[in-house]
């Protein structure tokens, strides 16, 4: 059995990695990820200037996931570029991802120029979807603004690039965003970021579980899985075949990884479960993924990637025996 996968010209030993924001703030965190069983890793989303993020409490565990309003704490773009260049020089055969996020549309071009001028040749992920910065919208919900940013970005950037997207909920949204993305030399998309602006209450105190933004935060974990599966599937059906998809959201076990790949993902990122379980999550998920593959007779990811079946025959009601149309 092989778990090898590809994004663009890059090959990875297996499809599982961290999501940006979890265990990736510092060089030590990133080195630990690189030494783990993960197939690759991604840095924290770097901004032009370092940020401390939102005030605590800004993360809480929920029965089936998490809520967070971290606010993009990071050490700044320079820190992550320097780390990327140093790691790449020492490990030229271990590709990884550099994540960046703009606080304003013009930041993306500025950061793209800086990365373009660096020696980093791996994959850069432009995060257009953070829901947790007060006063800053999720850019990728504005199709025209996204198109403008990508137009200016790709005038100065010709290295492998990915776009991190928020969750979409209407087929018209998928149509509109895919039409824009297909116009640009994008290597991959990452779908989805957390479900923005949820709210949970502490029953012991009748207060919100997180402090920033009046208690509103991104929802992750099992709550996000159906939305993540739908987004990966919808974009796989609409994007050019050469644009890969990184599936993110709701991964708790190997079957969850399997299903994101079944919907069309080439790699799968883990956030809440990694936060709760630590680096030991990677060997566990890999073992469980192989069990799921074996149960379905697969020996490689390409055997089932993007091969989700749909119901095409009439369903019979178990009680009446009548055909069920809806």
C-alpha atoms as a PDB file:
ATOM      1  CA  UNK A   1       0.000   0.000   0.000  1.00  0.00           C
ATOM      2  CA  UNK A   2       1.253   3.473  -0.875  1.00  0.00           C
ATOM      3  CA  UNK A   3       0.039   6.797   0.553  1.00  0.00           C
ATOM      4  CA  UNK A   4       2.058   8.974  -1.821  1.00  0.00           C
ATOM      5  CA  UNK A   5       0.288  12.050  -3.134  1.00  0.00           C
ATOM      6  CA  UNK A   6       1.065  15.085  -5.288  1.00  0.00           C
ATOM      7  CA  UNK A   7       0.249  18.774  -5.468  1.00  0.00           C
ATOM      8  CA  UNK A   8       1.600  20.369  -8.594  1.00  0.00           C
ATOM      9  CA  UNK A   9       5.121  19.074  -9.092  1.00  0.00           C
ATOM     10  CA  UNK A  10       5.586  18.284  -5.408  1.00  0.00           C
ATOM     11  CA  UNK A  11       5.434  14.749  -4.033  1.00  0.00           C
ATOM     12  CA  UNK A  12       4.515  13.911  -0.442  1.00  0.00           C
ATOM     13  CA  UNK A  13       4.938  10.599   1.377  1.00  0.00           C
ATOM     14  CA  UNK A  14       1.421  10.779   2.781  1.00  0.00           C
ATOM     15  CA  UNK A  15      -1.543  13.194   2.589  1.00  0.00           C
ATOM     16  CA  UNK A  16      -1.924  14.292   6.234  1.00  0.00           C
ATOM     17  CA  UNK A  17      -0.554  17.534   7.684  1.00  0.00           C
ATOM     18  CA  UNK A  18      -1.342  20.270  10.180  1.00  0.00           C
ATOM     19  CA  UNK A  19      -3.638  23.172   9.430  1.00  0.00           C
ATOM     20  CA  UNK A  20      -2.115  26.617   9.715  1.00  0.00           C
ATOM     21  CA  UNK A  21      -2.723  27.919  13.200  1.00  0.00           C
ATOM     22  CA  UNK A  22      -2.018  24.699  15.098  1.00  0.00           C
ATOM     23  CA  UNK A  23       1.454  23.766  16.392  1.00  0.00           C
ATOM     24  CA  UNK A  24       3.201  26.029  13.880  1.00  0.00           C
ATOM     25  CA  UNK A  25       3.830  29.400  15.526  1.00  0.00           C
ATOM     26  CA  UNK A  26       7.569  29.024  16.222  1.00  0.00           C
ATOM     27  CA  UNK A  27      10.580  27.427  14.576  1.00  0.00           C
ATOM     28  CA  UNK A  28      10.535  24.771  17.294  1.00  0.00           C
ATOM     29  CA  UNK A  29       6.903  23.949  16.522  1.00  0.00           C
ATOM     30  CA  UNK A  30       7.681  23.659  12.816  1.00  0.00           C
ATOM     31  CA  UNK A  31      10.757  21.499  13.392  1.00  0.00           C
ATOM     32  CA  UNK A  32       8.634  19.146  15.500  1.00  0.00           C
ATOM     33  CA  UNK A  33       6.054  18.919  12.717  1.00  0.00           C
ATOM     34  CA  UNK A  34       8.778  18.235  10.172  1.00  0.00           C
ATOM     35  CA  UNK A  35      10.103  15.373  12.325  1.00  0.00           C
ATOM     36  CA  UNK A  36       6.631  13.894  12.883  1.00  0.00           C
ATOM     37  CA  UNK A  37       4.731  11.318  10.823  1.00  0.00           C
ATOM     38  CA  UNK A  38       2.921  14.083   8.912  1.00  0.00           C
ATOM     39  CA  UNK A  39       3.359  14.091   5.148  1.00  0.00           C
ATOM     40  CA  UNK A  40       4.190  17.795   5.226  1.00  0.00           C
ATOM     41  CA  UNK A  41       3.581  20.909   7.314  1.00  0.00           C
ATOM     42  CA  UNK A  42       2.489  24.508   6.945  1.00  0.00           C
ATOM     43  CA  UNK A  43       3.612  27.597   8.838  1.00  0.00           C
ATOM     44  CA  UNK A  44       1.384  29.919  10.831  1.00  0.00           C
ATOM     45  CA  UNK A  45      -0.189  32.544   8.572  1.00  0.00           C
ATOM     46  CA  UNK A  46       2.386  35.319   8.645  1.00  0.00           C
ATOM     47  CA  UNK A  47       1.376  38.967   8.374  1.00  0.00           C
ATOM     48  CA  UNK A  48       3.618  41.855   7.392  1.00  0.00           C
ATOM     49  CA  UNK A  49       4.104  42.697  11.060  1.00  0.00           C
ATOM     50  CA  UNK A  50       4.121  40.332  14.023  1.00  0.00           C
ATOM     51  CA  UNK A  51       0.804  40.093  15.911  1.00  0.00           C
ATOM     52  CA  UNK A  52      -0.089  38.978  19.432  1.00  0.00           C
ATOM     53  CA  UNK A  53      -3.646  38.218  18.309  1.00  0.00           C
ATOM     54  CA  UNK A  54      -6.846  38.576  20.283  1.00  0.00           C
ATOM     55  CA  UNK A  55      -7.130  38.612  24.094  1.00  0.00           C
ATOM     56  CA  UNK A  56      -7.781  35.393  26.013  1.00  0.00           C
ATOM     57  CA  UNK A  57      -9.801  33.344  26.451  1.00  0.00           C
ATOM     58  CA  UNK A  58      -9.761  32.791  22.708  1.00  0.00           C
ATOM     59  CA  UNK A  59     -10.039  29.013  22.339  1.00  0.00           C
ATOM     60  CA  UNK A  60     -12.475  26.538  23.895  1.00  0.00           C
ATOM     61  CA  UNK A  61     -13.142  22.844  23.435  1.00  0.00           C
ATOM     62  CA  UNK A  62     -16.693  21.885  22.458  1.00  0.00           C
ATOM     63  CA  UNK A  63     -18.427  18.483  22.612  1.00  0.00           C
ATOM     64  CA  UNK A  64     -17.775  17.880  18.906  1.00  0.00           C
ATOM     65  CA  UNK A  65     -15.001  20.315  18.102  1.00  0.00           C
ATOM     66  CA  UNK A  66     -13.825  23.773  19.077  1.00  0.00           C
ATOM     67  CA  UNK A  67     -14.448  27.486  18.890  1.00  0.00           C
ATOM     68  CA  UNK A  68     -11.589  29.925  18.466  1.00  0.00           C
ATOM     69  CA  UNK A  69     -11.001  33.611  17.953  1.00  0.00           C
ATOM     70  CA  UNK A  70      -7.216  33.657  17.856  1.00  0.00           C
ATOM     71  CA  UNK A  71      -6.862  36.753  15.673  1.00  0.00           C
ATOM     72  CA  UNK A  72      -3.828  35.657  13.640  1.00  0.00           C
ATOM     73  CA  UNK A  73      -1.094  35.669  16.313  1.00  0.00           C
ATOM     74  CA  UNK A  74       2.197  35.200  14.466  1.00  0.00           C
ATOM     75  CA  UNK A  75       5.838  36.214  14.422  1.00  0.00           C
ATOM     76  CA  UNK A  76       5.672  38.190  11.182  1.00  0.00           C
ATOM     77  CA  UNK A  77       6.390  37.348   7.569  1.00  0.00           C
ATOM     78  CA  UNK A  78      10.149  37.929   7.819  1.00  0.00           C
ATOM     79  CA  UNK A  79      10.422  35.287  10.548  1.00  0.00           C
ATOM     80  CA  UNK A  80       8.649  32.631   8.482  1.00  0.00           C
ATOM     81  CA  UNK A  81      10.517  33.418   5.260  1.00  0.00           C
ATOM     82  CA  UNK A  82      13.828  33.118   7.107  1.00  0.00           C
ATOM     83  CA  UNK A  83      12.718  29.816   8.609  1.00  0.00           C
ATOM     84  CA  UNK A  84      11.536  28.562   5.210  1.00  0.00           C
ATOM     85  CA  UNK A  85      14.793  29.424   3.498  1.00  0.00           C
ATOM     86  CA  UNK A  86      16.866  27.777   6.233  1.00  0.00           C
ATOM     87  CA  UNK A  87      14.732  24.628   6.377  1.00  0.00           C
ATOM     88  CA  UNK A  88      14.615  24.302   2.590  1.00  0.00           C
ATOM     89  CA  UNK A  89      18.419  24.553   2.349  1.00  0.00           C
ATOM     90  CA  UNK A  90      18.840  21.813   4.945  1.00  0.00           C
ATOM     91  CA  UNK A  91      16.013  19.594   3.617  1.00  0.00           C
ATOM     92  CA  UNK A  92      15.751  20.148  -0.138  1.00  0.00           C
ATOM     93  CA  UNK A  93      13.710  16.963  -0.633  1.00  0.00           C
ATOM     94  CA  UNK A  94      11.077  17.758   2.025  1.00  0.00           C
ATOM     95  CA  UNK A  95       8.545  20.176   0.483  1.00  0.00           C
ATOM     96  CA  UNK A  96       6.340  22.250   2.763  1.00  0.00           C
ATOM     97  CA  UNK A  97       3.951  25.197   2.792  1.00  0.00           C
ATOM     98  CA  UNK A  98       4.383  28.850   3.740  1.00  0.00           C
ATOM     99  CA  UNK A  99       1.146  30.581   4.788  1.00  0.00           C
ATOM    100  CA  UNK A 100       0.555  34.339   4.650  1.00  0.00           C
ATOM    101  CA  UNK A 101      -2.424  36.565   5.452  1.00  0.00           C
ATOM    102  CA  UNK A 102      -3.023  40.214   4.588  1.00  0.00           C
ATOM    103  CA  UNK A 103      -4.627  42.778   6.862  1.00  0.00           C
ATOM    104  CA  UNK A 104      -5.524  44.811   3.775  1.00  0.00           C
ATOM    105  CA  UNK A 105      -5.823  43.875   0.072  1.00  0.00           C
ATOM    106  CA  UNK A 106      -2.563  45.637  -0.783  1.00  0.00           C
ATOM    107  CA  UNK A 107      -0.688  43.464   1.734  1.00  0.00           C
ATOM    108  CA  UNK A 108      -1.001  40.423  -0.516  1.00  0.00           C
ATOM    109  CA  UNK A 109       0.972  42.034  -3.324  1.00  0.00           C
ATOM    110  CA  UNK A 110       3.580  43.301  -0.881  1.00  0.00           C
ATOM    111  CA  UNK A 111       4.004  39.845   0.636  1.00  0.00           C
ATOM    112  CA  UNK A 112       4.008  38.183  -2.790  1.00  0.00           C
ATOM    113  CA  UNK A 113       6.891  40.431  -3.884  1.00  0.00           C
ATOM    114  CA  UNK A 114       8.821  39.604  -0.738  1.00  0.00           C
ATOM    115  CA  UNK A 115       8.384  35.847  -1.161  1.00  0.00           C
ATOM    116  CA  UNK A 116       9.129  36.081  -4.874  1.00  0.00           C
ATOM    117  CA  UNK A 117      12.435  37.778  -4.069  1.00  0.00           C
ATOM    118  CA  UNK A 118      13.355  35.112  -1.512  1.00  0.00           C
ATOM    119  CA  UNK A 119      15.013  31.765  -2.195  1.00  0.00           C
ATOM    120  CA  UNK A 120      11.912  29.837  -1.084  1.00  0.00           C
ATOM    121  CA  UNK A 121      10.642  27.608  -3.889  1.00  0.00           C
ATOM    122  CA  UNK A 122       7.966  25.622  -2.055  1.00  0.00           C
ATOM    123  CA  UNK A 123       4.232  26.231  -1.899  1.00  0.00           C
ATOM    124  CA  UNK A 124       2.898  29.576  -0.684  1.00  0.00           C
ATOM    125  CA  UNK A 125      -0.650  29.678   0.672  1.00  0.00           C
ATOM    126  CA  UNK A 126      -2.424  33.032   0.543  1.00  0.00           C
ATOM    127  CA  UNK A 127      -5.046  33.017   3.291  1.00  0.00           C
ATOM    128  CA  UNK A 128      -8.120  34.941   2.126  1.00  0.00           C
ATOM    129  CA  UNK A 129     -10.418  33.523   4.777  1.00  0.00           C
ATOM    130  CA  UNK A 130      -9.569  34.306   8.405  1.00  0.00           C
ATOM    131  CA  UNK A 131     -12.856  34.989  10.270  1.00  0.00           C
ATOM    132  CA  UNK A 132     -11.357  36.090  13.584  1.00  0.00           C
ATOM    133  CA  UNK A 133      -9.772  39.523  13.098  1.00  0.00           C
ATOM    134  CA  UNK A 134     -12.054  42.253  14.475  1.00  0.00           C
ATOM    135  CA  UNK A 135     -13.085  44.697  11.773  1.00  0.00           C
ATOM    136  CA  UNK A 136     -11.572  42.634   8.951  1.00  0.00           C
ATOM    137  CA  UNK A 137     -13.905  40.742   6.587  1.00  0.00           C
ATOM    138  CA  UNK A 138     -13.237  37.339   5.075  1.00  0.00           C
ATOM    139  CA  UNK A 139     -11.957  38.542   1.721  1.00  0.00           C
ATOM    140  CA  UNK A 140     -12.952  35.484  -0.285  1.00  0.00           C
ATOM    141  CA  UNK A 141     -16.664  36.087   0.345  1.00  0.00           C
ATOM    142  CA  UNK A 142     -16.282  39.075  -1.984  1.00  0.00           C
ATOM    143  CA  UNK A 143     -15.782  37.594  -5.450  1.00  0.00           C
ATOM    144  CA  UNK A 144     -14.834  40.898  -7.087  1.00  0.00           C
ATOM    145  CA  UNK A 145     -12.310  41.753  -4.368  1.00  0.00           C
ATOM    146  CA  UNK A 146     -10.800  38.264  -4.642  1.00  0.00           C
ATOM    147  CA  UNK A 147     -10.450  38.626  -8.405  1.00  0.00           C
ATOM    148  CA  UNK A 148      -8.762  42.004  -7.994  1.00  0.00           C
ATOM    149  CA  UNK A 149      -6.315  40.691  -5.384  1.00  0.00           C
ATOM    150  CA  UNK A 150      -5.399  37.666  -7.512  1.00  0.00           C
ATOM    151  CA  UNK A 151      -4.993  39.823 -10.609  1.00  0.00           C
ATOM    152  CA  UNK A 152      -2.481  42.074  -8.878  1.00  0.00           C
ATOM    153  CA  UNK A 153      -0.812  39.207  -6.995  1.00  0.00           C
ATOM    154  CA  UNK A 154      -0.047  37.133 -10.072  1.00  0.00           C
ATOM    155  CA  UNK A 155       1.469  40.110 -11.842  1.00  0.00           C
ATOM    156  CA  UNK A 156       4.404  39.830  -9.432  1.00  0.00           C
ATOM    157  CA  UNK A 157       4.290  36.193  -8.298  1.00  0.00           C
ATOM    158  CA  UNK A 158       5.124  33.109 -10.368  1.00  0.00           C
ATOM    159  CA  UNK A 159       5.996  30.560  -7.693  1.00  0.00           C
ATOM    160  CA  UNK A 160       3.594  27.732  -6.715  1.00  0.00           C
ATOM    161  CA  UNK A 161       0.601  29.338  -5.015  1.00  0.00           C
ATOM    162  CA  UNK A 162      -2.446  28.149  -3.101  1.00  0.00           C
ATOM    163  CA  UNK A 163      -5.516  30.034  -1.924  1.00  0.00           C
ATOM    164  CA  UNK A 164      -7.160  29.310   1.443  1.00  0.00           C
ATOM    165  CA  UNK A 165     -10.919  29.725   1.215  1.00  0.00           C
ATOM    166  CA  UNK A 166     -13.779  30.118   3.687  1.00  0.00           C
ATOM    167  CA  UNK A 167     -16.718  27.715   3.646  1.00  0.00           C
ATOM    168  CA  UNK A 168     -19.383  28.389   1.022  1.00  0.00           C
ATOM    169  CA  UNK A 169     -22.992  27.339   1.394  1.00  0.00           C
ATOM    170  CA  UNK A 170     -24.727  27.924  -1.923  1.00  0.00           C
ATOM    171  CA  UNK A 171     -24.059  26.353  -5.315  1.00  0.00           C
ATOM    172  CA  UNK A 172     -24.038  29.811  -6.887  1.00  0.00           C
ATOM    173  CA  UNK A 173     -21.119  30.722  -4.619  1.00  0.00           C
ATOM    174  CA  UNK A 174     -19.147  27.715  -5.842  1.00  0.00           C
ATOM    175  CA  UNK A 175     -19.892  28.623  -9.443  1.00  0.00           C
ATOM    176  CA  UNK A 176     -18.813  32.230  -9.037  1.00  0.00           C
ATOM    177  CA  UNK A 177     -15.619  31.544  -7.082  1.00  0.00           C
ATOM    178  CA  UNK A 178     -14.532  28.638  -9.288  1.00  0.00           C
ATOM    179  CA  UNK A 179     -14.965  30.827 -12.371  1.00  0.00           C
ATOM    180  CA  UNK A 180     -12.532  33.328 -10.847  1.00  0.00           C
ATOM    181  CA  UNK A 181     -10.020  30.764  -9.601  1.00  0.00           C
ATOM    182  CA  UNK A 182      -9.895  29.004 -12.972  1.00  0.00           C
ATOM    183  CA  UNK A 183      -8.571  32.201 -14.556  1.00  0.00           C
ATOM    184  CA  UNK A 184      -5.329  32.184 -12.561  1.00  0.00           C
ATOM    185  CA  UNK A 185      -2.213  29.946 -12.371  1.00  0.00           C
ATOM    186  CA  UNK A 186      -3.188  28.529  -8.992  1.00  0.00           C
ATOM    187  CA  UNK A 187      -1.528  25.286  -7.889  1.00  0.00           C
ATOM    188  CA  UNK A 188      -4.122  24.388  -5.265  1.00  0.00           C
ATOM    189  CA  UNK A 189      -6.903  25.638  -3.036  1.00  0.00           C
ATOM    190  CA  UNK A 190      -7.341  24.888   0.672  1.00  0.00           C
ATOM    191  CA  UNK A 191     -10.965  24.309   1.620  1.00  0.00           C
ATOM    192  CA  UNK A 192     -12.232  25.060   4.225  1.00  0.00           C
ATOM    193  CA  UNK A 193     -11.232  27.496   6.942  1.00  0.00           C
ATOM    194  CA  UNK A 194     -13.292  27.347  10.147  1.00  0.00           C
ATOM    195  CA  UNK A 195     -17.018  28.095  10.119  1.00  0.00           C
ATOM    196  CA  UNK A 196     -16.870  31.794  10.877  1.00  0.00           C
ATOM    197  CA  UNK A 197     -18.726  33.644  13.586  1.00  0.00           C
ATOM    198  CA  UNK A 198     -20.309  30.891  15.578  1.00  0.00           C
ATOM    199  CA  UNK A 199     -21.087  31.388  19.259  1.00  0.00           C
ATOM    200  CA  UNK A 200     -21.210  29.079  22.259  1.00  0.00           C
ATOM    201  CA  UNK A 201     -22.297  29.738  25.847  1.00  0.00           C
ATOM    202  CA  UNK A 202     -20.915  28.505  29.165  1.00  0.00           C
ATOM    203  CA  UNK A 203     -23.973  27.121  31.013  1.00  0.00           C
ATOM    204  CA  UNK A 204     -22.312  27.652  34.389  1.00  0.00           C
ATOM    205  CA  UNK A 205     -21.986  31.409  33.919  1.00  0.00           C
ATOM    206  CA  UNK A 206     -24.268  32.353  30.989  1.00  0.00           C
ATOM    207  CA  UNK A 207     -21.272  33.986  29.310  1.00  0.00           C
ATOM    208  CA  UNK A 208     -19.684  33.357  25.953  1.00  0.00           C
ATOM    209  CA  UNK A 209     -16.886  30.799  25.823  1.00  0.00           C
ATOM    210  CA  UNK A 210     -14.430  33.143  24.091  1.00  0.00           C
ATOM    211  CA  UNK A 211     -13.796  36.818  24.785  1.00  0.00           C
ATOM    212  CA  UNK A 212     -12.959  38.500  21.430  1.00  0.00           C
ATOM    213  CA  UNK A 213     -15.643  39.902  19.126  1.00  0.00           C
ATOM    214  CA  UNK A 214     -18.329  39.558  21.776  1.00  0.00           C
ATOM    215  CA  UNK A 215     -17.919  35.788  21.829  1.00  0.00           C
ATOM    216  CA  UNK A 216     -18.051  35.136  18.102  1.00  0.00           C
ATOM    217  CA  UNK A 217     -15.451  32.704  16.750  1.00  0.00           C
ATOM    218  CA  UNK A 218     -14.587  30.093  14.150  1.00  0.00           C
ATOM    219  CA  UNK A 219     -16.119  26.648  14.662  1.00  0.00           C
ATOM    220  CA  UNK A 220     -13.950  23.613  13.951  1.00  0.00           C
ATOM    221  CA  UNK A 221     -13.991  19.883  14.495  1.00  0.00           C
ATOM    222  CA  UNK A 222     -16.774  17.451  13.667  1.00  0.00           C
ATOM    223  CA  UNK A 223     -19.266  20.294  13.275  1.00  0.00           C
ATOM    224  CA  UNK A 224     -17.399  21.335  10.132  1.00  0.00           C
ATOM    225  CA  UNK A 225     -17.095  17.947   8.434  1.00  0.00           C
ATOM    226  CA  UNK A 226     -20.276  17.980   6.265  1.00  0.00           C
ATOM    227  CA  UNK A 227     -19.465  21.514   5.097  1.00  0.00           C
ATOM    228  CA  UNK A 228     -15.848  20.579   4.343  1.00  0.00           C
ATOM    229  CA  UNK A 229     -16.888  17.507   2.350  1.00  0.00           C
ATOM    230  CA  UNK A 230     -19.382  19.568   0.354  1.00  0.00           C
ATOM    231  CA  UNK A 231     -16.864  22.313  -0.410  1.00  0.00           C
ATOM    232  CA  UNK A 232     -14.167  19.875  -1.536  1.00  0.00           C
ATOM    233  CA  UNK A 233     -16.655  18.008  -3.706  1.00  0.00           C
ATOM    234  CA  UNK A 234     -18.160  21.166  -5.225  1.00  0.00           C
ATOM    235  CA  UNK A 235     -14.802  22.664  -6.108  1.00  0.00           C
ATOM    236  CA  UNK A 236     -13.444  19.381  -7.476  1.00  0.00           C
ATOM    237  CA  UNK A 237     -16.375  19.338  -9.891  1.00  0.00           C
ATOM    238  CA  UNK A 238     -15.752  22.938 -10.978  1.00  0.00           C
ATOM    239  CA  UNK A 239     -12.013  23.619 -10.957  1.00  0.00           C
ATOM    240  CA  UNK A 240      -9.524  22.815 -13.694  1.00  0.00           C
ATOM    241  CA  UNK A 241      -8.108  19.314 -13.099  1.00  0.00           C
ATOM    242  CA  UNK A 242      -4.595  20.662 -12.571  1.00  0.00           C
ATOM    243  CA  UNK A 243      -5.721  22.709  -9.536  1.00  0.00           C
ATOM    244  CA  UNK A 244      -5.344  20.417  -6.540  1.00  0.00           C
ATOM    245  CA  UNK A 245      -7.415  20.628  -3.368  1.00  0.00           C
ATOM    246  CA  UNK A 246      -6.280  20.457   0.234  1.00  0.00           C
ATOM    247  CA  UNK A 247      -9.273  19.341   2.310  1.00  0.00           C
ATOM    248  CA  UNK A 248      -9.600  20.741   5.820  1.00  0.00           C
ATOM    249  CA  UNK A 249     -12.359  20.375   8.391  1.00  0.00           C
ATOM    250  CA  UNK A 250     -13.789  17.764  10.723  1.00  0.00           C
ATOM    251  CA  UNK A 251     -10.982  15.207  10.750  1.00  0.00           C
ATOM    252  CA  UNK A 252     -11.149  13.023  13.866  1.00  0.00           C
ATOM    253  CA  UNK A 253     -10.225   9.610  12.415  1.00  0.00           C
ATOM    254  CA  UNK A 254      -8.820   7.916   9.347  1.00  0.00           C
ATOM    255  CA  UNK A 255     -12.237   7.469   7.779  1.00  0.00           C
ATOM    256  CA  UNK A 256     -12.652  11.267   7.807  1.00  0.00           C
ATOM    257  CA  UNK A 257      -9.367  11.579   5.913  1.00  0.00           C
ATOM    258  CA  UNK A 258     -10.546   8.903   3.479  1.00  0.00           C
ATOM    259  CA  UNK A 259     -13.807  10.749   2.793  1.00  0.00           C
ATOM    260  CA  UNK A 260     -12.142  14.090   2.075  1.00  0.00           C
ATOM    261  CA  UNK A 261      -9.899  12.312  -0.449  1.00  0.00           C
ATOM    262  CA  UNK A 262     -12.935  10.492  -1.839  1.00  0.00           C
ATOM    263  CA  UNK A 263     -14.499  13.903  -2.482  1.00  0.00           C
ATOM    264  CA  UNK A 264     -11.396  15.029  -4.373  1.00  0.00           C
ATOM    265  CA  UNK A 265      -8.723  16.214  -1.934  1.00  0.00           C
ATOM    266  CA  UNK A 266      -5.052  15.505  -2.607  1.00  0.00           C
ATOM    267  CA  UNK A 267      -3.976  16.328   0.944  1.00  0.00           C
ATOM    268  CA  UNK A 268      -5.834  16.709   4.227  1.00  0.00           C
ATOM    269  CA  UNK A 269      -5.131  19.140   7.047  1.00  0.00           C
ATOM    270  CA  UNK A 270      -5.934  18.570  10.725  1.00  0.00           C
ATOM    271  CA  UNK A 271      -6.666  21.381  13.183  1.00  0.00           C
ATOM    272  CA  UNK A 272      -8.860  20.747  16.243  1.00  0.00           C
ATOM    273  CA  UNK A 273      -7.838  17.102  16.675  1.00  0.00           C
ATOM    274  CA  UNK A 274      -4.160  18.048  16.443  1.00  0.00           C
ATOM    275  CA  UNK A 275      -4.710  20.814  19.000  1.00  0.00           C
ATOM    276  CA  UNK A 276      -6.390  18.381  21.388  1.00  0.00           C
ATOM    277  CA  UNK A 277      -4.271  15.276  20.800  1.00  0.00           C
ATOM    278  CA  UNK A 278      -0.819  16.501  19.823  1.00  0.00           C
ATOM    279  CA  UNK A 279       1.613  15.124  17.250  1.00  0.00           C
ATOM    280  CA  UNK A 280       0.627  11.536  18.004  1.00  0.00           C
ATOM    281  CA  UNK A 281      -2.471  12.157  15.946  1.00  0.00           C
ATOM    282  CA  UNK A 282      -0.524  11.692  12.714  1.00  0.00           C
ATOM    283  CA  UNK A 283       0.524   8.023  13.071  1.00  0.00           C
ATOM    284  CA  UNK A 284      -2.947   7.195  14.390  1.00  0.00           C
ATOM    285  CA  UNK A 285      -4.706   8.813  11.425  1.00  0.00           C
ATOM    286  CA  UNK A 286      -2.330   7.192   8.948  1.00  0.00           C
ATOM    287  CA  UNK A 287      -2.957   3.746  10.405  1.00  0.00           C
ATOM    288  CA  UNK A 288      -6.721   4.301  10.364  1.00  0.00           C
ATOM    289  CA  UNK A 289      -6.609   5.625   6.799  1.00  0.00           C
ATOM    290  CA  UNK A 290      -4.873   2.446   5.672  1.00  0.00           C
ATOM    291  CA  UNK A 291      -7.538   0.365   7.400  1.00  0.00           C
ATOM    292  CA  UNK A 292     -10.259   2.287   5.567  1.00  0.00           C
ATOM    293  CA  UNK A 293      -8.435   1.800   2.281  1.00  0.00           C
ATOM    294  CA  UNK A 294      -7.960  -1.931   2.864  1.00  0.00           C
ATOM    295  CA  UNK A 295     -11.637  -2.370   3.740  1.00  0.00           C
ATOM    296  CA  UNK A 296     -12.512  -0.935   0.338  1.00  0.00           C
ATOM    297  CA  UNK A 297      -9.849  -2.821  -1.596  1.00  0.00           C
ATOM    298  CA  UNK A 298      -7.609   0.186  -2.345  1.00  0.00           C
ATOM    299  CA  UNK A 299      -3.827   0.126  -2.415  1.00  0.00           C
ATOM    300  CA  UNK A 300      -3.186   3.767  -3.363  1.00  0.00           C
ATOM    301  CA  UNK A 301      -4.901   7.126  -2.933  1.00  0.00           C
ATOM    302  CA  UNK A 302      -5.476   7.405  -6.673  1.00  0.00           C
ATOM    303  CA  UNK A 303      -7.685   4.298  -6.497  1.00  0.00           C
ATOM    304  CA  UNK A 304     -10.443   6.314  -4.832  1.00  0.00           C
ATOM    305  CA  UNK A 305      -9.497   9.997  -5.001  1.00  0.00           C
ATOM    306  CA  UNK A 306     -12.458  11.971  -6.332  1.00  0.00           C
ATOM    307  CA  UNK A 307     -14.456   8.766  -6.883  1.00  0.00           C
ATOM    308  CA  UNK A 308     -17.451   9.579  -4.686  1.00  0.00           C
ATOM    309  CA  UNK A 309     -20.585   7.742  -5.831  1.00  0.00           C
ATOM    310  CA  UNK A 310     -23.992   9.359  -5.972  1.00  0.00           C
ATOM    311  CA  UNK A 311     -27.412   7.726  -5.745  1.00  0.00           C
ATOM    312  CA  UNK A 312     -28.825   7.251  -9.232  1.00  0.00           C
ATOM    313  CA  UNK A 313     -31.427   4.504  -8.704  1.00  0.00           C
ATOM    314  CA  UNK A 314     -34.842   4.982  -7.040  1.00  0.00           C
ATOM    315  CA  UNK A 315     -34.920   4.409  -3.293  1.00  0.00           C
ATOM    316  CA  UNK A 316     -37.710   2.155  -1.994  1.00  0.00           C
ATOM    317  CA  UNK A 317     -39.505   3.017   1.234  1.00  0.00           C
ATOM    318  CA  UNK A 318     -38.971   0.160   3.686  1.00  0.00           C
ATOM    319  CA  UNK A 319     -42.524   0.334   5.050  1.00  0.00           C
ATOM    320  CA  UNK A 320     -44.749   0.922   2.037  1.00  0.00           C
ATOM    321  CA  UNK A 321     -42.517  -0.448  -0.695  1.00  0.00           C
ATOM    322  CA  UNK A 322     -43.253   2.689  -2.755  1.00  0.00           C
ATOM    323  CA  UNK A 323     -40.603   4.558  -4.700  1.00  0.00           C
ATOM    324  CA  UNK A 324     -39.269   7.572  -2.815  1.00  0.00           C
ATOM    325  CA  UNK A 325     -38.567  10.538  -5.082  1.00  0.00           C
ATOM    326  CA  UNK A 326     -37.427  13.075  -2.476  1.00  0.00           C
END
